[in-house]
Amino acid sequence: MTYEESIQKLESIVLQMEQGEMPIDALANRLAEANKLIAECRSKLLLADQEVQETLNANETK
């Protein structure tokens, strides 16, 4: 799943939760799914940041 797809899925989960009509079991499942998506997004952002830093550092040494 791409970063953008993960963000869209998170936004969908948030909207569902904000409506307040979700049964508690479904809410718990959505929270677990959201936590997994957040971890995946965080990982992708950290990797992208490292790549940017490496590129900047490589350009500075030239």
N, C-alpha and C. Protein backbone atom coordinates (compact mmCIF):
# COMPACT_ATOMS: atom_id res chain seq x y z
N MET A 1 0.86 -1.17 0.00
CA MET A 1 0.00 0.00 0.00
C MET A 1 0.90 1.23 0.00
N THR A 2 0.57 2.20 -0.83
CA THR A 2 1.37 3.42 -0.88
C THR A 2 1.07 4.30 0.33
N TYR A 3 1.93 5.27 0.54
CA TYR A 3 1.73 6.23 1.63
C TYR A 3 0.38 6.93 1.46
N GLU A 4 0.09 7.36 0.26
CA GLU A 4 -1.16 8.08 -0.01
C GLU A 4 -2.38 7.22 0.26
N GLU A 5 -2.30 5.94 -0.12
CA GLU A 5 -3.41 5.02 0.14
C GLU A 5 -3.60 4.82 1.64
N SER A 6 -2.49 4.73 2.36
CA SER A 6 -2.57 4.57 3.82
C SER A 6 -3.22 5.79 4.46
N ILE A 7 -2.84 6.97 4.00
CA ILE A 7 -3.43 8.21 4.54
C ILE A 7 -4.93 8.25 4.24
N GLN A 8 -5.31 7.89 3.04
CA GLN A 8 -6.74 7.87 2.69
C GLN A 8 -7.51 6.90 3.58
N LYS A 9 -6.92 5.74 3.83
CA LYS A 9 -7.57 4.75 4.69
C LYS A 9 -7.69 5.28 6.11
N LEU A 10 -6.63 5.94 6.60
CA LEU A 10 -6.69 6.55 7.94
C LEU A 10 -7.79 7.61 8.02
N GLU A 11 -7.88 8.44 7.00
CA GLU A 11 -8.92 9.47 6.98
C GLU A 11 -10.31 8.84 7.01
N SER A 12 -10.48 7.75 6.29
CA SER A 12 -11.75 7.04 6.29
C SER A 12 -12.08 6.50 7.68
N ILE A 13 -11.08 5.93 8.34
CA ILE A 13 -11.28 5.40 9.68
C ILE A 13 -11.66 6.52 10.64
N VAL A 14 -10.99 7.64 10.55
CA VAL A 14 -11.28 8.78 11.42
C VAL A 14 -12.71 9.26 11.22
N LEU A 15 -13.12 9.36 9.97
CA LEU A 15 -14.50 9.79 9.69
C LEU A 15 -15.52 8.83 10.30
N GLN A 16 -15.26 7.53 10.16
CA GLN A 16 -16.16 6.54 10.74
C GLN A 16 -16.22 6.69 12.26
N MET A 17 -15.08 6.91 12.87
CA MET A 17 -15.02 7.04 14.32
C MET A 17 -15.71 8.32 14.79
N GLU A 18 -15.55 9.39 14.02
CA GLU A 18 -16.17 10.66 14.39
C GLU A 18 -17.69 10.61 14.34
N GLN A 19 -18.23 9.74 13.51
CA GLN A 19 -19.69 9.62 13.42
C GLN A 19 -20.28 9.06 14.71
N GLY A 20 -19.47 8.33 15.47
CA GLY A 20 -19.87 7.88 16.78
C GLY A 20 -20.91 6.78 16.82
N GLU A 21 -21.18 6.15 15.72
CA GLU A 21 -22.20 5.11 15.68
C GLU A 21 -21.60 3.71 15.51
N MET A 22 -20.32 3.60 15.75
CA MET A 22 -19.63 2.33 15.54
C MET A 22 -19.71 1.48 16.81
N PRO A 23 -20.07 0.21 16.69
CA PRO A 23 -20.07 -0.69 17.85
C PRO A 23 -18.65 -0.79 18.44
N ILE A 24 -18.55 -1.06 19.72
CA ILE A 24 -17.28 -1.05 20.41
C ILE A 24 -16.29 -2.06 19.81
N ASP A 25 -16.75 -3.23 19.39
CA ASP A 25 -15.86 -4.21 18.79
C ASP A 25 -15.29 -3.71 17.46
N ALA A 26 -16.14 -3.10 16.68
CA ALA A 26 -15.69 -2.53 15.40
C ALA A 26 -14.72 -1.38 15.65
N LEU A 27 -15.00 -0.60 16.67
CA LEU A 27 -14.12 0.51 17.03
C LEU A 27 -12.74 0.00 17.41
N ALA A 28 -12.69 -1.05 18.20
CA ALA A 28 -11.41 -1.63 18.60
C ALA A 28 -10.65 -2.15 17.38
N ASN A 29 -11.34 -2.77 16.45
CA ASN A 29 -10.70 -3.25 15.22
C ASN A 29 -10.17 -2.11 14.38
N ARG A 30 -10.94 -1.05 14.28
CA ARG A 30 -10.52 0.12 13.50
C ARG A 30 -9.31 0.80 14.15
N LEU A 31 -9.30 0.86 15.47
CA LEU A 31 -8.16 1.45 16.17
C LEU A 31 -6.89 0.64 15.91
N ALA A 32 -7.00 -0.67 15.93
CA ALA A 32 -5.85 -1.53 15.66
C ALA A 32 -5.37 -1.32 14.22
N GLU A 33 -6.30 -1.23 13.31
CA GLU A 33 -5.95 -1.00 11.91
C GLU A 33 -5.29 0.37 11.74
N ALA A 34 -5.83 1.38 12.40
CA ALA A 34 -5.26 2.73 12.33
C ALA A 34 -3.84 2.75 12.89
N ASN A 35 -3.62 2.07 14.00
CA ASN A 35 -2.28 2.03 14.57
C ASN A 35 -1.29 1.38 13.62
N LYS A 36 -1.71 0.33 12.94
CA LYS A 36 -0.85 -0.33 11.96
C LYS A 36 -0.54 0.61 10.80
N LEU A 37 -1.55 1.31 10.31
CA LEU A 37 -1.35 2.25 9.21
C LEU A 37 -0.44 3.39 9.61
N ILE A 38 -0.60 3.89 10.83
CA ILE A 38 0.25 4.97 11.33
C ILE A 38 1.71 4.52 11.39
N ALA A 39 1.93 3.31 11.86
CA ALA A 39 3.29 2.77 11.94
C ALA A 39 3.89 2.64 10.53
N GLU A 40 3.10 2.17 9.58
CA GLU A 40 3.58 2.04 8.21
C GLU A 40 3.92 3.41 7.62
N CYS A 41 3.06 4.40 7.85
CA CYS A 41 3.31 5.75 7.34
C CYS A 41 4.56 6.34 7.98
N ARG A 42 4.69 6.17 9.27
CA ARG A 42 5.86 6.69 9.98
C ARG A 42 7.14 6.07 9.40
N SER A 43 7.12 4.78 9.16
CA SER A 43 8.27 4.08 8.60
C SER A 43 8.61 4.62 7.21
N LYS A 44 7.61 4.82 6.39
CA LYS A 44 7.84 5.35 5.05
C LYS A 44 8.38 6.77 5.09
N LEU A 45 7.88 7.58 6.02
CA LEU A 45 8.37 8.95 6.15
C LEU A 45 9.82 8.97 6.63
N LEU A 46 10.15 8.11 7.58
CA LEU A 46 11.53 8.05 8.07
C LEU A 46 12.47 7.60 6.96
N LEU A 47 12.06 6.63 6.17
CA LEU A 47 12.89 6.16 5.06
C LEU A 47 13.08 7.28 4.03
N ALA A 48 12.02 7.98 3.71
CA ALA A 48 12.12 9.09 2.75
C ALA A 48 13.03 10.18 3.30
N ASP A 49 12.94 10.47 4.58
CA ASP A 49 13.80 11.49 5.20
C ASP A 49 15.26 11.07 5.12
N GLN A 50 15.54 9.80 5.39
CA GLN A 50 16.92 9.30 5.30
C GLN A 50 17.45 9.43 3.87
N GLU A 51 16.62 9.11 2.90
CA GLU A 51 17.04 9.21 1.51
C GLU A 51 17.33 10.66 1.12
N VAL A 52 16.49 11.57 1.58
CA VAL A 52 16.71 12.99 1.31
C VAL A 52 18.01 13.46 1.96
N GLN A 53 18.22 13.06 3.21
CA GLN A 53 19.45 13.45 3.91
C GLN A 53 20.68 12.91 3.21
N GLU A 54 20.63 11.66 2.77
CA GLU A 54 21.75 11.07 2.04
C GLU A 54 22.03 11.81 0.74
N THR A 55 20.96 12.18 0.03
CA THR A 55 21.13 12.92 -1.21
C THR A 55 21.73 14.29 -0.94
N LEU A 56 21.24 14.97 0.08
CA LEU A 56 21.78 16.28 0.42
C LEU A 56 23.25 16.19 0.82
N ASN A 57 23.57 15.19 1.63
CA ASN A 57 24.95 15.00 2.06
C ASN A 57 25.85 14.67 0.89
N ALA A 58 25.37 13.86 -0.04
CA ALA A 58 26.16 13.51 -1.22
C ALA A 58 26.41 14.73 -2.09
N ASN A 59 25.41 15.61 -2.19
CA ASN A 59 25.56 16.81 -3.00
C ASN A 59 26.49 17.83 -2.35
N GLU A 60 26.54 17.83 -1.02
CA GLU A 60 27.40 18.76 -0.31
C GLU A 60 28.88 18.40 -0.46
N THR A 61 29.16 17.11 -0.60
CA THR A 61 30.55 16.67 -0.70
C THR A 61 31.09 16.77 -2.12
N LYS A 62 30.26 17.12 -3.07
CA LYS A 62 30.72 17.26 -4.46
C LYS A 62 31.30 18.62 -4.71
